[in-house]
Amino acid sequence: MPADEGRERMLVRVPRARAAALAEALHSAAGARAARKAADPVRLQVDPLSLF
C-alpha cells in the first residue's frame, strides 16, 4: 500500500523473541516525541497488540 504524497511508510519486522523490546522502544520514542510536541503526526501500529 503506497503512502500519500509527502508521507513515508515503514514496516519493521523482528524475531518474536525481540518483539516486546521493539514495542517498548517504539513506545519510548513516541513518548519523547510527544513531549517535544513535534508538529508532524506519526502513527504506530503494533500487531499483535498483546506485545505492547
Protein backbone atom coordinates (compact mmCIF):
# COMPACT_ATOMS: atom_id res chain seq x y z
CA MET A 1 0.00 0.00 0.00
CA PRO A 2 1.71 3.21 -1.12
CA ALA A 3 1.95 6.25 1.14
CA ASP A 4 0.28 9.55 0.31
CA GLU A 5 2.35 12.28 -1.31
CA GLY A 6 4.85 13.72 1.18
CA ARG A 7 4.46 10.81 3.62
CA GLU A 8 6.52 7.74 4.30
CA ARG A 9 5.62 4.25 5.47
CA MET A 10 7.83 1.71 7.14
CA LEU A 11 7.36 -1.93 8.05
CA VAL A 12 9.72 -3.29 10.69
CA ARG A 13 9.89 -6.99 11.43
CA VAL A 14 11.86 -8.64 14.18
CA PRO A 15 12.08 -12.17 15.54
CA ARG A 16 9.33 -12.88 18.08
CA ALA A 17 11.95 -13.04 20.83
CA ARG A 18 12.72 -9.34 20.23
CA ALA A 19 9.18 -8.10 19.51
CA ALA A 20 8.50 -6.88 23.05
CA ALA A 21 11.78 -4.94 23.11
CA LEU A 22 10.91 -3.27 19.79
CA ALA A 23 7.42 -2.37 21.04
CA GLU A 24 8.90 -0.82 24.19
CA ALA A 25 11.46 1.16 22.18
CA LEU A 26 8.73 2.49 19.87
CA HIS A 27 6.58 3.43 22.87
CA SER A 28 9.50 5.32 24.47
CA ALA A 29 10.31 7.13 21.22
CA ALA A 30 6.67 8.13 20.76
CA GLY A 31 6.58 9.49 24.31
CA ALA A 32 9.73 11.54 23.79
CA ARG A 33 8.33 12.86 20.53
CA ALA A 34 5.06 13.83 22.19
CA ALA A 35 6.96 15.62 24.98
CA ARG A 36 8.72 17.74 22.34
CA LYS A 37 5.31 18.49 20.79
CA ALA A 38 6.57 17.58 17.33
CA ALA A 39 4.38 19.07 14.59
CA ASP A 40 4.24 16.18 12.11
CA PRO A 41 1.91 13.32 13.04
CA VAL A 42 3.26 9.79 13.49
CA ARG A 43 1.15 6.66 13.73
CA LEU A 44 2.50 3.45 15.23
CA GLN A 45 0.72 0.13 14.94
CA VAL A 46 1.95 -2.99 16.72
CA ASP A 47 0.45 -6.35 15.75
CA PRO A 48 -0.49 -8.24 17.80
CA LEU A 49 -1.45 -5.69 20.46
CA SER A 50 -0.58 -8.17 23.21
CA LEU A 51 3.10 -7.34 22.60
CA PHE A 52 2.59 -3.77 23.71
